[in-house]
Protein backbone atom coordinates (compact mmCIF):
# COMPACT_ATOMS: atom_id res chain seq x y z
CA UNK A 1 49.05 113.22 65.53
CA UNK A 2 48.26 109.79 66.99
CA UNK A 3 51.57 108.34 65.69
CA UNK A 4 53.52 111.23 67.18
CA UNK A 5 51.78 110.67 70.52
CA UNK A 6 52.56 106.95 70.43
CA UNK A 7 56.23 107.64 69.64
CA UNK A 8 56.32 110.21 72.43
CA UNK A 9 55.09 107.61 74.88
CA UNK A 10 57.20 104.75 73.51
CA UNK A 11 60.59 106.45 73.70
CA UNK A 12 60.54 107.20 77.46
CA UNK A 13 59.09 103.74 78.10
CA UNK A 14 62.01 102.13 76.25
CA UNK A 15 64.52 104.24 78.16
CA UNK A 16 62.82 103.33 81.44
CA UNK A 17 62.87 99.63 80.55
CA UNK A 18 66.54 99.80 79.60
CA UNK A 19 67.29 101.59 82.86
CA UNK A 20 65.49 98.90 84.87
CA UNK A 21 67.50 96.18 83.09
CA UNK A 22 70.77 97.95 83.91
CA UNK A 23 69.61 98.51 87.48
CA UNK A 24 68.81 94.87 88.09
CA UNK A 25 71.96 93.68 86.27
CA UNK A 26 70.46 90.26 85.44
CA UNK A 27 72.89 87.41 84.93
CA UNK A 28 71.92 87.02 81.26
CA UNK A 29 72.99 90.62 80.62
CA UNK A 30 76.41 90.00 82.19
CA UNK A 31 76.70 86.81 80.12
CA UNK A 32 75.90 88.72 76.91
CA UNK A 33 78.45 91.39 77.73
CA UNK A 34 81.09 88.75 78.43
CA UNK A 35 80.31 87.04 75.13
CA UNK A 36 80.47 90.27 73.12
CA UNK A 37 83.75 91.35 74.74
CA UNK A 38 85.49 88.21 76.06
CA UNK A 39 88.66 90.21 76.75
CA UNK A 40 86.79 92.25 79.39
CA UNK A 41 86.46 90.72 82.86
CA UNK A 42 82.97 91.20 84.32
CA UNK A 43 82.84 88.16 86.58
CA UNK A 44 84.41 84.71 86.79
CA UNK A 45 82.94 81.26 86.39
CA UNK A 46 83.66 79.39 89.62
CA UNK A 47 81.81 77.23 92.12
CA UNK A 48 84.00 78.39 94.97
CA UNK A 49 82.44 80.79 97.47
CA UNK A 50 84.63 83.70 96.51
CA UNK A 51 84.04 87.24 95.23
CA UNK A 52 86.38 90.03 94.18
CA UNK A 53 86.06 93.46 95.74
CA UNK A 54 87.12 96.48 93.68
CA UNK A 55 87.20 100.07 94.90
CA UNK A 56 87.51 102.98 92.47
CA UNK A 57 88.76 106.58 92.55
CA UNK A 58 91.11 106.63 95.56
CA UNK A 59 93.30 107.26 97.32
CA UNK A 60 91.73 109.64 99.81
CA UNK A 61 93.55 110.85 102.91
CA UNK A 62 90.43 110.88 105.09
CA UNK A 63 88.49 107.81 104.02
CA UNK A 64 90.88 105.28 102.45
CA UNK A 65 92.24 104.48 105.96
CA UNK A 66 88.68 103.76 107.12
CA UNK A 67 88.21 101.33 104.24
CA UNK A 68 91.54 99.66 104.92
CA UNK A 69 90.68 99.25 108.60
CA UNK A 70 87.43 97.41 107.82
CA UNK A 71 89.15 95.20 105.24
CA UNK A 72 91.83 94.26 107.76
CA UNK A 73 89.24 93.47 110.42
CA UNK A 74 87.62 90.84 108.20
CA UNK A 75 90.79 89.62 106.45
CA UNK A 76 89.39 90.80 103.10
CA UNK A 77 91.42 92.02 100.14
CA UNK A 78 90.52 94.41 97.35
CA UNK A 79 91.76 95.77 94.06
CA UNK A 80 91.99 99.54 94.33
CA UNK A 81 91.56 101.24 90.96
CA UNK A 82 93.45 104.43 91.65
CA UNK A 83 93.26 107.79 89.90
CA UNK A 84 96.88 108.90 89.83
CA UNK A 85 96.05 112.62 90.18
CA UNK A 86 94.85 111.66 93.69
CA UNK A 87 98.15 110.06 94.70
CA UNK A 88 100.37 113.12 95.43
CA UNK A 89 100.36 113.55 99.20
CA UNK A 90 98.89 110.05 99.66
CA UNK A 91 101.93 107.97 98.74
CA UNK A 92 102.07 106.41 102.20
CA UNK A 93 98.48 105.24 101.81
CA UNK A 94 99.24 103.58 98.49
CA UNK A 95 102.23 101.79 100.00
CA UNK A 96 100.00 100.67 102.86
CA UNK A 97 97.48 99.20 100.40
CA UNK A 98 100.20 97.09 98.83
CA UNK A 99 101.78 96.13 102.16
CA UNK A 100 98.42 94.88 103.47
CA UNK A 101 97.93 92.52 100.53
CA UNK A 102 95.71 94.61 98.32
CA UNK A 103 96.15 95.09 94.59
CA UNK A 104 96.36 98.27 92.53
CA UNK A 105 94.52 98.88 89.27
CA UNK A 106 94.84 101.63 86.66
CA UNK A 107 91.90 104.09 86.61
CA UNK A 108 93.83 106.67 84.56
CA UNK A 109 94.93 110.11 85.70
CA UNK A 110 91.67 112.00 86.24
CA UNK A 111 88.07 111.38 87.25
CA UNK A 112 86.40 111.64 83.82
CA UNK A 113 84.56 109.38 81.34
CA UNK A 114 87.24 107.63 79.32
CA UNK A 115 84.86 107.13 76.39
CA UNK A 116 84.91 110.91 75.82
CA UNK A 117 88.67 110.93 75.25
CA UNK A 118 90.30 110.60 71.86
CA UNK A 119 92.25 107.36 71.56
CA UNK A 120 95.48 109.36 71.53
CA UNK A 121 94.61 111.09 74.82
CA UNK A 122 93.33 107.83 76.32
CA UNK A 123 96.61 106.10 75.49
CA UNK A 124 98.66 108.96 76.90
CA UNK A 125 96.73 108.93 80.18
CA UNK A 126 96.98 105.15 80.42
CA UNK A 127 100.76 105.35 80.06
CA UNK A 128 101.09 108.27 82.49
CA UNK A 129 99.07 106.44 85.13
CA UNK A 130 101.06 103.25 84.58
CA UNK A 131 104.33 105.09 85.15
CA UNK A 132 103.07 106.29 88.54
CA UNK A 133 101.55 102.99 89.65
CA UNK A 134 104.54 100.89 88.58
CA UNK A 135 106.54 102.51 91.38
CA UNK A 136 104.38 100.54 93.81
CA UNK A 137 103.73 97.22 92.06
CA UNK A 138 103.21 95.61 88.68
CA UNK A 139 99.68 96.50 87.58
CA UNK A 140 97.69 94.32 85.18
CA UNK A 141 94.09 95.55 85.45
CA UNK A 142 92.63 98.68 83.90
CA UNK A 143 89.14 100.12 84.40
CA UNK A 144 87.98 102.95 82.14
CA UNK A 145 86.42 105.97 83.80
CA UNK A 146 82.61 105.63 84.01
CA UNK A 147 82.86 102.03 82.76
CA UNK A 148 82.28 102.57 79.04
CA UNK A 149 84.71 101.43 76.36
CA UNK A 150 85.04 100.89 72.63
CA UNK A 151 87.13 98.60 70.42
CA UNK A 152 89.94 101.15 70.02
CA UNK A 153 90.24 101.49 73.79
CA UNK A 154 90.34 97.71 74.25
CA UNK A 155 93.09 97.45 71.64
CA UNK A 156 95.10 100.16 73.42
CA UNK A 157 94.61 98.49 76.80
CA UNK A 158 95.85 95.16 75.41
CA UNK A 159 98.76 96.84 73.60
CA UNK A 160 100.13 98.05 76.93
CA UNK A 161 99.83 94.70 78.69
CA UNK A 162 96.61 95.39 80.59
CA UNK A 163 93.26 93.65 80.78
CA UNK A 164 90.05 95.66 81.03
CA UNK A 165 88.01 94.86 84.15
CA UNK A 166 84.51 96.05 84.93
CA UNK A 167 82.17 94.23 87.31
CA UNK A 168 78.93 92.35 87.86
CA UNK A 169 77.66 93.90 91.12
CA UNK A 170 77.35 97.67 90.98
CA UNK A 171 75.08 99.36 93.56
CA UNK A 172 75.27 102.81 91.92
CA UNK A 173 76.94 104.14 95.04
CA UNK A 174 78.16 107.39 93.37
CA UNK A 175 74.52 108.24 92.59
CA UNK A 176 72.72 106.79 95.63
CA UNK A 177 74.15 108.22 98.82
CA UNK A 178 72.95 105.60 101.31
CA UNK A 179 75.52 103.14 102.58
CA UNK A 180 72.79 100.73 103.70
CA UNK A 181 71.45 100.60 100.14
CA UNK A 182 74.90 99.73 98.76
CA UNK A 183 75.35 97.07 101.42
CA UNK A 184 72.07 95.27 100.88
CA UNK A 185 72.26 95.59 97.09
CA UNK A 186 75.68 93.91 97.13
CA UNK A 187 74.47 91.17 99.45
CA UNK A 188 71.43 90.63 97.23
CA UNK A 189 73.45 90.30 94.01
CA UNK A 190 76.72 88.69 95.13
CA UNK A 191 77.34 85.09 94.02
CA UNK A 192 80.42 82.93 93.47
CA UNK A 193 82.67 84.69 90.98
CA UNK A 194 81.09 88.14 91.29
CA UNK A 195 83.14 91.30 90.90
CA UNK A 196 81.84 94.02 93.25
CA UNK A 197 82.37 97.71 92.40
CA UNK A 198 82.41 100.36 95.15
CA UNK A 199 83.96 103.83 95.34
CA UNK A 200 86.40 105.87 97.40
CA UNK A 201 87.25 109.59 97.50
CA UNK A 202 85.19 112.35 99.05
CA UNK A 203 81.96 111.37 100.76
CA UNK A 204 81.85 108.11 98.76
CA UNK A 205 84.78 106.67 100.74
CA UNK A 206 83.03 106.94 104.08
CA UNK A 207 79.89 105.40 102.60
CA UNK A 208 81.94 102.49 101.29
CA UNK A 209 83.57 101.95 104.68
CA UNK A 210 80.14 101.97 106.33
CA UNK A 211 78.71 99.61 103.70
CA UNK A 212 81.61 97.19 104.15
CA UNK A 213 80.86 97.00 107.88
CA UNK A 214 77.59 95.34 106.83
CA UNK A 215 78.78 93.48 103.73
CA UNK A 216 81.92 91.78 105.02
CA UNK A 217 80.60 90.11 108.19
CA UNK A 218 77.56 88.81 106.29
CA UNK A 219 79.66 87.43 103.43
CA UNK A 220 81.92 85.85 106.04
CA UNK A 221 78.88 84.30 107.72
CA UNK A 222 77.81 82.87 104.35
CA UNK A 223 81.24 81.32 103.87
CA UNK A 224 82.50 83.73 101.19
CA UNK A 225 86.11 84.79 100.80
CA UNK A 226 86.70 88.37 99.57
CA UNK A 227 89.77 88.64 97.34
CA UNK A 228 91.51 90.73 94.69
CA UNK A 229 90.72 90.52 91.00
CA UNK A 230 93.89 88.57 90.27
CA UNK A 231 93.13 86.08 93.04
CA UNK A 232 89.59 85.59 91.73
CA UNK A 233 90.78 85.26 88.14
CA UNK A 234 93.20 82.52 89.20
CA UNK A 235 90.24 80.55 90.59
CA UNK A 236 88.30 80.59 87.30
CA UNK A 237 87.26 77.31 85.73
CA UNK A 238 89.72 76.19 83.02
């Protein structure tokens, strides 16, 4: 009885501790992840005051323009990981992203956890999304839905000429619906070489635009440049 009680208390405690570690995203955890999967980009080693901004799940007719307006105001650039099922009717927006110096990334065809897909389905969706995105620019970065991956997925990503990219600063903006929280979390965690993850589409897009109105002027004040993933990757230490 006592052992069962101890186990009952230990299990939720372990889950809570693990959750806190993920929440804080300590640098040692990012380092361990990079070491275990060196082919996945989480952040970049650089002493330059530069961070990459990535925005998932667009395009969105209502809110992507708001995000683009804030980025233009502060001469910041982003990598937009697009879901290609969201592109029909928003083709002009995608062309605008490219024309304004932003980069496109492959976030597959639908908003779903990629880890739940069979490798055959994952590969098919990767190819389908690539065929759509390649009409706008050459795309080199892929981000799996919900951020989880396995070795088979990484092999498929590499097979099709992509590199998997996640991030090192994630304010849980799909779950926490306060733009001020996202803004101050990003400013708390951002450092040279960080990859920031925010979201578009639906109410998340407006929150991201509002958060960027706080994030970008403060990063500018601190001397940071906000760039695409490819630009950041090119600045990595040899």
